[in-house]
């Protein structure tokens, strides 16, 4: 999507070129100077529109990347949950011992930070 500032800026720049060229041909310093001024203003507006387009494209790309990462994270979470459930069902005693050891370790960490 092209920003409207780019279109109006290009039109003003072209108009300024034409006015400046006509001022040069007719010898009118006033028209020549006004034309160059309009050309510069149009160029600045065009560049502003280009910057807005670039920022919009960057934001769109960042959004798509974040959305993709979110979807992949959810997929990995579901897959990991299924795998843990499968391992717990297959090895209930080992799972219980591991959970107890992790709980004991967390208890030591929490208690150590309070002292």
PDB file of N, CA and C in Angstrom:
ATOM      1  N   UNK A   1       0.847  -1.171   0.000  1.00  0.00           N
ATOM      2  CA  UNK A   1       0.000   0.000   0.000  1.00  0.00           C
ATOM      3  C   UNK A   1       0.898   1.241   0.000  1.00  0.00           C
ATOM      4  N   UNK A   2       0.654   2.107  -0.935  1.00  0.00           N
ATOM      5  CA  UNK A   2       1.438   3.327  -1.062  1.00  0.00           C
ATOM      6  C   UNK A   2       0.782   4.431  -0.236  1.00  0.00           C
ATOM      7  N   UNK A   3       1.594   5.142   0.508  1.00  0.00           N
ATOM      8  CA  UNK A   3       1.099   6.220   1.349  1.00  0.00           C
ATOM      9  C   UNK A   3       0.699   7.412   0.484  1.00  0.00           C
ATOM     10  N   UNK A   4      -0.361   8.127   0.882  1.00  0.00           N
ATOM     11  CA  UNK A   4      -0.842   9.280   0.100  1.00  0.00           C
ATOM     12  C   UNK A   4       0.177  10.410   0.084  1.00  0.00           C
ATOM     13  N   UNK A   5       1.020  10.496   1.124  1.00  0.00           N
ATOM     14  CA  UNK A   5       2.061  11.527   1.133  1.00  0.00           C
ATOM     15  C   UNK A   5       3.045  11.324  -0.021  1.00  0.00           C
ATOM     16  N   UNK A   6       3.272  10.079  -0.390  1.00  0.00           N
ATOM     17  CA  UNK A   6       4.171   9.805  -1.514  1.00  0.00           C
ATOM     18  C   UNK A   6       3.569  10.310  -2.815  1.00  0.00           C
ATOM     19  N   UNK A   7       2.268  10.109  -2.981  1.00  0.00           N
ATOM     20  CA  UNK A   7       1.598  10.524  -4.221  1.00  0.00           C
ATOM     21  C   UNK A   7       1.533  12.044  -4.312  1.00  0.00           C
ATOM     22  N   UNK A   8       1.072  12.683  -3.248  1.00  0.00           N
ATOM     23  CA  UNK A   8       0.976  14.149  -3.280  1.00  0.00           C
ATOM     24  C   UNK A   8       2.362  14.785  -3.350  1.00  0.00           C
ATOM     25  N   UNK A   9       3.330  14.176  -2.674  1.00  0.00           N
ATOM     26  CA  UNK A   9       4.692  14.700  -2.729  1.00  0.00           C
ATOM     27  C   UNK A   9       5.274  14.614  -4.128  1.00  0.00           C
ATOM     28  N   UNK A  10       5.026  13.488  -4.806  1.00  0.00           N
ATOM     29  CA  UNK A  10       5.525  13.343  -6.179  1.00  0.00           C
ATOM     30  C   UNK A  10       4.844  14.342  -7.106  1.00  0.00           C
ATOM     31  N   UNK A  11       3.554  14.578  -6.892  1.00  0.00           N
ATOM     32  CA  UNK A  11       2.827  15.544  -7.719  1.00  0.00           C
ATOM     33  C   UNK A  11       3.353  16.958  -7.481  1.00  0.00           C
ATOM     34  N   UNK A  12       3.581  17.311  -6.225  1.00  0.00           N
ATOM     35  CA  UNK A  12       4.117  18.646  -5.926  1.00  0.00           C
ATOM     36  C   UNK A  12       5.528  18.808  -6.481  1.00  0.00           C
ATOM     37  N   UNK A  13       6.314  17.736  -6.382  1.00  0.00           N
ATOM     38  CA  UNK A  13       7.674  17.791  -6.912  1.00  0.00           C
ATOM     39  C   UNK A  13       7.660  18.009  -8.424  1.00  0.00           C
ATOM     40  N   UNK A  14       6.797  17.284  -9.124  1.00  0.00           N
ATOM     41  CA  UNK A  14       6.677  17.454 -10.576  1.00  0.00           C
ATOM     42  C   UNK A  14       6.176  18.850 -10.917  1.00  0.00           C
ATOM     43  N   UNK A  15       5.175  19.319 -10.195  1.00  0.00           N
ATOM     44  CA  UNK A  15       4.659  20.669 -10.419  1.00  0.00           C
ATOM     45  C   UNK A  15       5.727  21.724 -10.190  1.00  0.00           C
ATOM     46  N   UNK A  16       6.524  21.520  -9.161  1.00  0.00           N
ATOM     47  CA  UNK A  16       7.608  22.449  -8.876  1.00  0.00           C
ATOM     48  C   UNK A  16       8.662  22.449  -9.966  1.00  0.00           C
ATOM     49  N   UNK A  17       8.967  21.277 -10.513  1.00  0.00           N
ATOM     50  CA  UNK A  17       9.933  21.192 -11.615  1.00  0.00           C
ATOM     51  C   UNK A  17       9.431  21.948 -12.835  1.00  0.00           C
ATOM     52  N   UNK A  18       8.138  21.733 -13.127  1.00  0.00           N
ATOM     53  CA  UNK A  18       7.548  22.411 -14.282  1.00  0.00           C
ATOM     54  C   UNK A  18       7.559  23.926 -14.070  1.00  0.00           C
ATOM     55  N   UNK A  19       7.135  24.368 -12.891  1.00  0.00           N
ATOM     56  CA  UNK A  19       7.102  25.811 -12.605  1.00  0.00           C
ATOM     57  C   UNK A  19       8.515  26.400 -12.647  1.00  0.00           C
ATOM     58  N   UNK A  20       9.481  25.687 -12.094  1.00  0.00           N
ATOM     59  CA  UNK A  20      10.861  26.170 -12.122  1.00  0.00           C
ATOM     60  C   UNK A  20      11.410  26.245 -13.532  1.00  0.00           C
ATOM     61  N   UNK A  21      11.092  25.234 -14.346  1.00  0.00           N
ATOM     62  CA  UNK A  21      11.560  25.242 -15.731  1.00  0.00           C
ATOM     63  C   UNK A  21      10.910  26.372 -16.519  1.00  0.00           C
ATOM     64  N   UNK A  22       9.602  26.592 -16.298  1.00  0.00           N
ATOM     65  CA  UNK A  22       8.929  27.701 -16.978  1.00  0.00           C
ATOM     66  C   UNK A  22       9.490  29.042 -16.525  1.00  0.00           C
ATOM     67  N   UNK A  23       9.806  29.154 -15.248  1.00  0.00           N
ATOM     68  CA  UNK A  23      10.415  30.380 -14.742  1.00  0.00           C
ATOM     69  C   UNK A  23      11.781  30.624 -15.370  1.00  0.00           C
ATOM     70  N   UNK A  24      12.545  29.532 -15.571  1.00  0.00           N
ATOM     71  CA  UNK A  24      13.849  29.663 -16.218  1.00  0.00           C
ATOM     72  C   UNK A  24      13.703  30.098 -17.675  1.00  0.00           C
ATOM     73  N   UNK A  25      12.698  29.501 -18.368  1.00  0.00           N
ATOM     74  CA  UNK A  25      12.491  29.817 -19.781  1.00  0.00           C
ATOM     75  C   UNK A  25      12.005  31.258 -19.954  1.00  0.00           C
ATOM     76  N   UNK A  26      11.074  31.686 -19.106  1.00  0.00           N
ATOM     77  CA  UNK A  26      10.515  33.029 -19.244  1.00  0.00           C
ATOM     78  C   UNK A  26      11.400  34.085 -18.598  1.00  0.00           C
ATOM     79  N   UNK A  27      12.365  33.658 -17.811  1.00  0.00           N
ATOM     80  CA  UNK A  27      13.248  34.605 -17.144  1.00  0.00           C
ATOM     81  C   UNK A  27      12.679  35.150 -15.851  1.00  0.00           C
ATOM     82  N   UNK A  28      11.608  34.545 -15.352  1.00  0.00           N
ATOM     83  CA  UNK A  28      10.985  34.995 -14.106  1.00  0.00           C
ATOM     84  C   UNK A  28      11.704  34.338 -12.926  1.00  0.00           C
ATOM     85  N   UNK A  29      12.473  35.134 -12.216  1.00  0.00           N
ATOM     86  CA  UNK A  29      13.196  34.606 -11.057  1.00  0.00           C
ATOM     87  C   UNK A  29      12.236  34.182  -9.951  1.00  0.00           C
ATOM     88  N   UNK A  30      11.117  34.888  -9.854  1.00  0.00           N
ATOM     89  CA  UNK A  30      10.133  34.562  -8.820  1.00  0.00           C
ATOM     90  C   UNK A  30       9.537  33.173  -9.079  1.00  0.00           C
ATOM     91  N   UNK A  31       9.076  32.909 -10.301  1.00  0.00           N
ATOM     92  CA  UNK A  31       8.511  31.595 -10.634  1.00  0.00           C
ATOM     93  C   UNK A  31       9.559  30.498 -10.510  1.00  0.00           C
ATOM     94  N   UNK A  32      10.768  30.801 -10.914  1.00  0.00           N
ATOM     95  CA  UNK A  32      11.843  29.819 -10.816  1.00  0.00           C
ATOM     96  C   UNK A  32      12.097  29.448  -9.352  1.00  0.00           C
ATOM     97  N   UNK A  33      12.175  30.446  -8.481  1.00  0.00           N
ATOM     98  CA  UNK A  33      12.425  30.194  -7.055  1.00  0.00           C
ATOM     99  C   UNK A  33      11.254  29.472  -6.405  1.00  0.00           C
ATOM    100  N   UNK A  34      10.013  29.904  -6.733  1.00  0.00           N
ATOM    101  CA  UNK A  34       8.837  29.227  -6.178  1.00  0.00           C
ATOM    102  C   UNK A  34       8.779  27.778  -6.647  1.00  0.00           C
ATOM    103  N   UNK A  35       9.114  27.562  -7.898  1.00  0.00           N
ATOM    104  CA  UNK A  35       9.112  26.197  -8.436  1.00  0.00           C
ATOM    105  C   UNK A  35      10.114  25.307  -7.719  1.00  0.00           C
ATOM    106  N   UNK A  36      11.317  25.833  -7.491  1.00  0.00           N
ATOM    107  CA  UNK A  36      12.338  25.050  -6.788  1.00  0.00           C
ATOM    108  C   UNK A  36      11.902  24.775  -5.338  1.00  0.00           C
ATOM    109  N   UNK A  37      11.242  25.760  -4.738  1.00  0.00           N
ATOM    110  CA  UNK A  37      10.740  25.580  -3.381  1.00  0.00           C
ATOM    111  C   UNK A  37       9.654  24.505  -3.341  1.00  0.00           C
ATOM    112  N   UNK A  38       8.711  24.561  -4.285  1.00  0.00           N
ATOM    113  CA  UNK A  38       7.658  23.524  -4.354  1.00  0.00           C
ATOM    114  C   UNK A  38       8.267  22.151  -4.628  1.00  0.00           C
ATOM    115  N   UNK A  39       9.271  22.113  -5.475  1.00  0.00           N
ATOM    116  CA  UNK A  39       9.940  20.844  -5.791  1.00  0.00           C
ATOM    117  C   UNK A  39      10.577  20.252  -4.534  1.00  0.00           C
ATOM    118  N   UNK A  40      11.268  21.088  -3.776  1.00  0.00           N
ATOM    119  CA  UNK A  40      11.910  20.613  -2.545  1.00  0.00           C
ATOM    120  C   UNK A  40      10.867  20.160  -1.516  1.00  0.00           C
ATOM    121  N   UNK A  41       9.789  20.921  -1.397  1.00  0.00           N
ATOM    122  CA  UNK A  41       8.719  20.523  -0.473  1.00  0.00           C
ATOM    123  C   UNK A  41       8.075  19.214  -0.885  1.00  0.00           C
ATOM    124  N   UNK A  42       7.856  19.048  -2.178  1.00  0.00           N
ATOM    125  CA  UNK A  42       7.286  17.799  -2.678  1.00  0.00           C
ATOM    126  C   UNK A  42       8.219  16.622  -2.451  1.00  0.00           C
ATOM    127  N   UNK A  43       9.509  16.845  -2.661  1.00  0.00           N
ATOM    128  CA  UNK A  43      10.490  15.779  -2.435  1.00  0.00           C
ATOM    129  C   UNK A  43      10.491  15.380  -0.961  1.00  0.00           C
ATOM    130  N   UNK A  44      10.423  16.378  -0.068  1.00  0.00           N
ATOM    131  CA  UNK A  44      10.402  16.089   1.375  1.00  0.00           C
ATOM    132  C   UNK A  44       9.137  15.306   1.747  1.00  0.00           C
ATOM    133  N   UNK A  45       8.002  15.696   1.192  1.00  0.00           N
ATOM    134  CA  UNK A  45       6.756  14.983   1.487  1.00  0.00           C
ATOM    135  C   UNK A  45       6.801  13.557   0.955  1.00  0.00           C
ATOM    136  N   UNK A  46       7.398  13.389  -0.215  1.00  0.00           N
ATOM    137  CA  UNK A  46       7.550  12.059  -0.801  1.00  0.00           C
ATOM    138  C   UNK A  46       8.439  11.192   0.098  1.00  0.00           C
ATOM    139  N   UNK A  47       9.540  11.741   0.567  1.00  0.00           N
ATOM    140  CA  UNK A  47      10.426  10.995   1.454  1.00  0.00           C
ATOM    141  C   UNK A  47       9.740  10.642   2.774  1.00  0.00           C
ATOM    142  N   UNK A  48       8.922  11.561   3.269  1.00  0.00           N
ATOM    143  CA  UNK A  48       8.155  11.290   4.487  1.00  0.00           C
ATOM    144  C   UNK A  48       7.200  10.115   4.256  1.00  0.00           C
ATOM    145  N   UNK A  49       6.535  10.105   3.106  1.00  0.00           N
ATOM    146  CA  UNK A  49       5.642   9.000   2.772  1.00  0.00           C
ATOM    147  C   UNK A  49       6.393   7.687   2.645  1.00  0.00           C
ATOM    148  N   UNK A  50       7.585   7.730   2.070  1.00  0.00           N
ATOM    149  CA  UNK A  50       8.392   6.513   1.952  1.00  0.00           C
ATOM    150  C   UNK A  50       8.780   5.986   3.331  1.00  0.00           C
ATOM    151  N   UNK A  51       9.126   6.908   4.232  1.00  0.00           N
ATOM    152  CA  UNK A  51       9.481   6.499   5.591  1.00  0.00           C
ATOM    153  C   UNK A  51       8.284   5.862   6.303  1.00  0.00           C
ATOM    154  N   UNK A  52       7.102   6.429   6.106  1.00  0.00           N
ATOM    155  CA  UNK A  52       5.897   5.852   6.714  1.00  0.00           C
ATOM    156  C   UNK A  52       5.615   4.467   6.139  1.00  0.00           C
ATOM    157  N   UNK A  53       5.790   4.309   4.820  1.00  0.00           N
ATOM    158  CA  UNK A  53       5.598   2.995   4.201  1.00  0.00           C
ATOM    159  C   UNK A  53       6.581   1.975   4.770  1.00  0.00           C
ATOM    160  N   UNK A  54       7.836   2.383   4.920  1.00  0.00           N
ATOM    161  CA  UNK A  54       8.851   1.481   5.459  1.00  0.00           C
ATOM    162  C   UNK A  54       8.520   1.078   6.891  1.00  0.00           C
ATOM    163  N   UNK A  55       8.104   2.041   7.695  1.00  0.00           N
ATOM    164  CA  UNK A  55       7.737   1.739   9.085  1.00  0.00           C
ATOM    165  C   UNK A  55       6.528   0.802   9.140  1.00  0.00           C
ATOM    166  N   UNK A  56       5.542   1.035   8.264  1.00  0.00           N
ATOM    167  CA  UNK A  56       4.352   0.183   8.227  1.00  0.00           C
ATOM    168  C   UNK A  56       4.729  -1.244   7.803  1.00  0.00           C
ATOM    169  N   UNK A  57       5.596  -1.363   6.801  1.00  0.00           N
ATOM    170  CA  UNK A  57       6.038  -2.682   6.357  1.00  0.00           C
ATOM    171  C   UNK A  57       6.791  -3.410   7.464  1.00  0.00           C
ATOM    172  N   UNK A  58       7.651  -2.671   8.175  1.00  0.00           N
ATOM    173  CA  UNK A  58       8.397  -3.269   9.280  1.00  0.00           C
ATOM    174  C   UNK A  58       7.446  -3.749  10.381  1.00  0.00           C
ATOM    175  N   UNK A  59       6.465  -2.940  10.712  1.00  0.00           N
ATOM    176  CA  UNK A  59       5.502  -3.320  11.752  1.00  0.00           C
ATOM    177  C   UNK A  59       4.693  -4.544  11.327  1.00  0.00           C
ATOM    178  N   UNK A  60       4.311  -4.594  10.054  1.00  0.00           N
ATOM    179  CA  UNK A  60       3.570  -5.757   9.558  1.00  0.00           C
ATOM    180  C   UNK A  60       4.425  -7.021   9.636  1.00  0.00           C
ATOM    181  N   UNK A  61       5.698  -6.902   9.241  1.00  0.00           N
ATOM    182  CA  UNK A  61       6.592  -8.056   9.309  1.00  0.00           C
ATOM    183  C   UNK A  61       6.802  -8.514  10.751  1.00  0.00           C
ATOM    184  N   UNK A  62       6.964  -7.556  11.668  1.00  0.00           N
ATOM    185  CA  UNK A  62       7.151  -7.901  13.077  1.00  0.00           C
ATOM    186  C   UNK A  62       5.905  -8.588  13.638  1.00  0.00           C
ATOM    187  N   UNK A  63       4.728  -8.109  13.242  1.00  0.00           N
ATOM    188  CA  UNK A  63       3.486  -8.727  13.704  1.00  0.00           C
ATOM    189  C   UNK A  63       3.390 -10.167  13.203  1.00  0.00           C
ATOM    190  N   UNK A  64       3.695 -10.371  11.926  1.00  0.00           N
ATOM    191  CA  UNK A  64       3.627 -11.726  11.367  1.00  0.00           C
ATOM    192  C   UNK A  64       4.627 -12.657  12.047  1.00  0.00           C
ATOM    193  N   UNK A  65       5.827 -12.139  12.334  1.00  0.00           N
ATOM    194  CA  UNK A  65       6.833 -12.949  13.016  1.00  0.00           C
ATOM    195  C   UNK A  65       6.359 -13.323  14.424  1.00  0.00           C
ATOM    196  N   UNK A  66       5.815 -12.356  15.144  1.00  0.00           N
ATOM    197  CA  UNK A  66       5.327 -12.622  16.502  1.00  0.00           C
ATOM    198  C   UNK A  66       4.162 -13.610  16.484  1.00  0.00           C
ATOM    199  N   UNK A  67       3.277 -13.452  15.511  1.00  0.00           N
ATOM    200  CA  UNK A  67       2.143 -14.375  15.412  1.00  0.00           C
ATOM    201  C   UNK A  67       2.617 -15.793  15.116  1.00  0.00           C
ATOM    202  N   UNK A  68       3.598 -15.915  14.237  1.00  0.00           N
ATOM    203  CA  UNK A  68       4.149 -17.229  13.904  1.00  0.00           C
ATOM    204  C   UNK A  68       4.839 -17.846  15.126  1.00  0.00           C
ATOM    205  N   UNK A  69       5.600 -17.035  15.859  1.00  0.00           N
ATOM    206  CA  UNK A  69       6.280 -17.534  17.050  1.00  0.00           C
ATOM    207  C   UNK A  69       5.270 -17.976  18.115  1.00  0.00           C
ATOM    208  N   UNK A  70       4.180 -17.230  18.245  1.00  0.00           N
ATOM    209  CA  UNK A  70       3.131 -17.596  19.207  1.00  0.00           C
ATOM    210  C   UNK A  70       2.504 -18.939  18.829  1.00  0.00           C
ATOM    211  N   UNK A  71       2.206 -19.105  17.557  1.00  0.00           N
ATOM    212  CA  UNK A  71       1.600 -20.367  17.108  1.00  0.00           C
ATOM    213  C   UNK A  71       2.553 -21.537  17.307  1.00  0.00           C
ATOM    214  N   UNK A  72       3.837 -21.332  16.971  1.00  0.00           N
ATOM    215  CA  UNK A  72       4.813 -22.410  17.168  1.00  0.00           C
ATOM    216  C   UNK A  72       4.977 -22.726  18.653  1.00  0.00           C
ATOM    217  N   UNK A  73       4.980 -21.692  19.510  1.00  0.00           N
ATOM    218  CA  UNK A  73       5.090 -21.921  20.948  1.00  0.00           C
ATOM    219  C   UNK A  73       3.930 -22.748  21.483  1.00  0.00           C
ATOM    220  N   UNK A  74       2.724 -22.432  21.028  1.00  0.00           N
ATOM    221  CA  UNK A  74       1.559 -23.211  21.437  1.00  0.00           C
ATOM    222  C   UNK A  74       1.644 -24.649  20.974  1.00  0.00           C
ATOM    223  N   UNK A  75       2.141 -24.834  19.756  1.00  0.00           N
ATOM    224  CA  UNK A  75       2.300 -26.195  19.222  1.00  0.00           C
ATOM    225  C   UNK A  75       3.297 -26.984  20.070  1.00  0.00           C
ATOM    226  N   UNK A  76       4.447 -26.351  20.390  1.00  0.00           N
ATOM    227  CA  UNK A  76       5.457 -27.048  21.195  1.00  0.00           C
ATOM    228  C   UNK A  76       4.953 -27.319  22.613  1.00  0.00           C
ATOM    229  N   UNK A  77       4.167 -26.414  23.165  1.00  0.00           N
ATOM    230  CA  UNK A  77       3.611 -26.620  24.497  1.00  0.00           C
ATOM    231  C   UNK A  77       2.666 -27.824  24.505  1.00  0.00           C
ATOM    232  N   UNK A  78       1.778 -27.887  23.514  1.00  0.00           N
ATOM    233  CA  UNK A  78       0.857 -29.033  23.446  1.00  0.00           C
ATOM    234  C   UNK A  78       1.613 -30.340  23.239  1.00  0.00           C
ATOM    235  N   UNK A  79       2.615 -30.290  22.383  1.00  0.00           N
ATOM    236  CA  UNK A  79       3.404 -31.497  22.111  1.00  0.00           C
ATOM    237  C   UNK A  79       4.170 -31.930  23.367  1.00  0.00           C
ATOM    238  N   UNK A  80       4.752 -30.963  24.084  1.00  0.00           N
ATOM    239  CA  UNK A  80       5.474 -31.286  25.316  1.00  0.00           C
ATOM    240  C   UNK A  80       4.552 -31.839  26.387  1.00  0.00           C
ATOM    241  N   UNK A  81       3.355 -31.266  26.498  1.00  0.00           N
ATOM    242  CA  UNK A  81       2.384 -31.762  27.489  1.00  0.00           C
ATOM    243  C   UNK A  81       1.993 -33.202  27.205  1.00  0.00           C
ATOM    244  N   UNK A  82       1.775 -33.505  25.938  1.00  0.00           N
ATOM    245  CA  UNK A  82       1.434 -34.891  25.573  1.00  0.00           C
ATOM    246  C   UNK A  82       2.582 -35.840  25.904  1.00  0.00           C
ATOM    247  N   UNK A  83       3.810 -35.399  25.636  1.00  0.00           N
ATOM    248  CA  UNK A  83       4.968 -36.254  25.907  1.00  0.00           C
ATOM    249  C   UNK A  83       5.148 -36.490  27.402  1.00  0.00           C
ATOM    250  N   UNK A  84       4.975 -35.433  28.207  1.00  0.00           N
ATOM    251  CA  UNK A  84       5.086 -35.590  29.663  1.00  0.00           C
ATOM    252  C   UNK A  84       3.990 -36.525  30.172  1.00  0.00           C
ATOM    253  N   UNK A  85       2.775 -36.354  29.676  1.00  0.00           N
ATOM    254  CA  UNK A  85       1.669 -37.235  30.095  1.00  0.00           C
ATOM    255  C   UNK A  85       1.969 -38.686  29.739  1.00  0.00           C
ATOM    256  N   UNK A  86       2.530 -38.888  28.569  1.00  0.00           N
ATOM    257  CA  UNK A  86       2.882 -40.245  28.140  1.00  0.00           C
ATOM    258  C   UNK A  86       3.956 -40.845  29.057  1.00  0.00           C
ATOM    259  N   UNK A  87       4.982 -40.047  29.401  1.00  0.00           N
ATOM    260  CA  UNK A  87       6.062 -40.546  30.255  1.00  0.00           C
ATOM    261  C   UNK A  87       5.559 -40.834  31.670  1.00  0.00           C
ATOM    262  N   UNK A  88       4.682 -39.974  32.187  1.00  0.00           N
ATOM    263  CA  UNK A  88       4.135 -40.194  33.529  1.00  0.00           C
ATOM    264  C   UNK A  88       3.295 -41.470  33.550  1.00  0.00           C
ATOM    265  N   UNK A  89       2.509 -41.674  32.493  1.00  0.00           N
ATOM    266  CA  UNK A  89       1.680 -42.886  32.440  1.00  0.00           C
ATOM    267  C   UNK A  89       2.548 -44.130  32.303  1.00  0.00           C
ATOM    268  N   UNK A  90       3.652 -44.022  31.593  1.00  0.00           N
ATOM    269  CA  UNK A  90       4.512 -45.187  31.377  1.00  0.00           C
ATOM    270  C   UNK A  90       5.399 -45.478  32.588  1.00  0.00           C
ATOM    271  N   UNK A  91       5.881 -44.441  33.262  1.00  0.00           N
ATOM    272  CA  UNK A  91       6.787 -44.616  34.401  1.00  0.00           C
ATOM    273  C   UNK A  91       6.276 -43.811  35.601  1.00  0.00           C
ATOM    274  N   UNK A  92       5.210 -44.262  36.262  1.00  0.00           N
ATOM    275  CA  UNK A  92       4.627 -43.466  37.345  1.00  0.00           C
ATOM    276  C   UNK A  92       5.545 -43.330  38.568  1.00  0.00           C
ATOM    277  N   UNK A  93       6.265 -44.373  38.950  1.00  0.00           N
ATOM    278  CA  UNK A  93       7.113 -44.305  40.132  1.00  0.00           C
ATOM    279  C   UNK A  93       8.290 -43.346  39.894  1.00  0.00           C
ATOM    280  N   UNK A  94       8.938 -43.444  38.735  1.00  0.00           N
ATOM    281  CA  UNK A  94      10.063 -42.552  38.420  1.00  0.00           C
ATOM    282  C   UNK A  94       9.571 -41.101  38.355  1.00  0.00           C
ATOM    283  N   UNK A  95       8.374 -40.899  37.814  1.00  0.00           N
ATOM    284  CA  UNK A  95       7.817 -39.550  37.731  1.00  0.00           C
ATOM    285  C   UNK A  95       7.567 -38.976  39.115  1.00  0.00           C
ATOM    286  N   UNK A  96       7.066 -39.807  40.009  1.00  0.00           N
ATOM    287  CA  UNK A  96       6.813 -39.372  41.379  1.00  0.00           C
ATOM    288  C   UNK A  96       8.115 -38.999  42.089  1.00  0.00           C
ATOM    289  N   UNK A  97       9.151 -39.809  41.911  1.00  0.00           N
ATOM    290  CA  UNK A  97      10.442 -39.512  42.528  1.00  0.00           C
ATOM    291  C   UNK A  97      11.039 -38.227  41.964  1.00  0.00           C
ATOM    292  N   UNK A  98      10.943 -38.018  40.667  1.00  0.00           N
ATOM    293  CA  UNK A  98      11.468 -36.797  40.046  1.00  0.00           C
ATOM    294  C   UNK A  98      10.700 -35.577  40.548  1.00  0.00           C
ATOM    295  N   UNK A  99       9.381 -35.692  40.623  1.00  0.00           N
ATOM    296  CA  UNK A  99       8.576 -34.570  41.104  1.00  0.00           C
ATOM    297  C   UNK A  99       8.923 -34.243  42.555  1.00  0.00           C
ATOM    298  N   UNK A 100       9.141 -35.266  43.371  1.00  0.00           N
ATOM    299  CA  UNK A 100       9.528 -35.050  44.764  1.00  0.00           C
ATOM    300  C   UNK A 100      10.883 -34.369  44.866  1.00  0.00           C
ATOM    301  N   UNK A 101      11.839 -34.793  44.031  1.00  0.00           N
ATOM    302  CA  UNK A 101      13.180 -34.194  44.065  1.00  0.00           C
ATOM    303  C   UNK A 101      13.124 -32.729  43.619  1.00  0.00           C
ATOM    304  N   UNK A 102      12.330 -32.455  42.597  1.00  0.00           N
ATOM    305  CA  UNK A 102      12.187 -31.070  42.125  1.00  0.00           C
ATOM    306  C   UNK A 102      11.525 -30.220  43.203  1.00  0.00           C
ATOM    307  N   UNK A 103      10.502 -30.742  43.859  1.00  0.00           N
ATOM    308  CA  UNK A 103       9.837 -30.012  44.933  1.00  0.00           C
ATOM    309  C   UNK A 103      10.772 -29.749  46.096  1.00  0.00           C
ATOM    310  N   UNK A 104      11.579 -30.752  46.457  1.00  0.00           N
ATOM    311  CA  UNK A 104      12.544 -30.579  47.546  1.00  0.00           C
ATOM    312  C   UNK A 104      13.562 -29.499  47.183  1.00  0.00           C
ATOM    313  N   UNK A 105      14.054 -29.530  45.942  1.00  0.00           N
ATOM    314  CA  UNK A 105      15.025 -28.520  45.479  1.00  0.00           C
ATOM    315  C   UNK A 105      14.436 -27.119  45.493  1.00  0.00           C
ATOM    316  N   UNK A 106      13.200 -26.987  45.038  1.00  0.00           N
ATOM    317  CA  UNK A 106      12.543 -25.672  45.072  1.00  0.00           C
ATOM    318  C   UNK A 106      12.345 -25.194  46.504  1.00  0.00           C
ATOM    319  N   UNK A 107      12.015 -26.120  47.387  1.00  0.00           N
ATOM    320  CA  UNK A 107      11.857 -25.758  48.798  1.00  0.00           C
ATOM    321  C   UNK A 107      13.161 -25.248  49.387  1.00  0.00           C
ATOM    322  N   UNK A 108      14.275 -25.884  49.035  1.00  0.00           N
ATOM    323  CA  UNK A 108      15.575 -25.400  49.512  1.00  0.00           C
ATOM    324  C   UNK A 108      15.888 -24.019  48.958  1.00  0.00           C
ATOM    325  N   UNK A 109      15.586 -23.787  47.696  1.00  0.00           N
ATOM    326  CA  UNK A 109      15.852 -22.478  47.099  1.00  0.00           C
ATOM    327  C   UNK A 109      15.018 -21.385  47.748  1.00  0.00           C
ATOM    328  N   UNK A 110      13.748 -21.681  47.982  1.00  0.00           N
ATOM    329  CA  UNK A 110      12.868 -20.674  48.581  1.00  0.00           C
ATOM    330  C   UNK A 110      13.292 -20.403  50.015  1.00  0.00           C
ATOM    331  N   UNK A 111      13.643 -21.423  50.733  1.00  0.00           N
ATOM    332  CA  UNK A 111      14.073 -21.256  52.122  1.00  0.00           C
ATOM    333  C   UNK A 111      15.404 -20.540  52.186  1.00  0.00           C
ATOM    334  N   UNK A 112      16.309 -20.805  51.265  1.00  0.00           N
ATOM    335  CA  UNK A 112      17.634 -20.180  51.270  1.00  0.00           C
ATOM    336  C   UNK A 112      17.538 -18.678  51.010  1.00  0.00           C
ATOM    337  N   UNK A 113      16.575 -18.244  50.221  1.00  0.00           N
ATOM    338  CA  UNK A 113      16.461 -16.819  49.922  1.00  0.00           C
ATOM    339  C   UNK A 113      15.853 -16.042  51.077  1.00  0.00           C
ATOM    340  N   UNK A 114      15.157 -16.681  51.974  1.00  0.00           N
ATOM    341  CA  UNK A 114      14.554 -15.989  53.111  1.00  0.00           C
ATOM    342  C   UNK A 114      15.540 -15.768  54.257  1.00  0.00           C
ATOM    343  N   UNK A 115      16.562 -16.553  54.313  1.00  0.00           N
ATOM    344  CA  UNK A 115      17.527 -16.427  55.432  1.00  0.00           C
ATOM    345  C   UNK A 115      18.405 -15.236  55.296  1.00  0.00           C
TER     346      UNK A 115
END
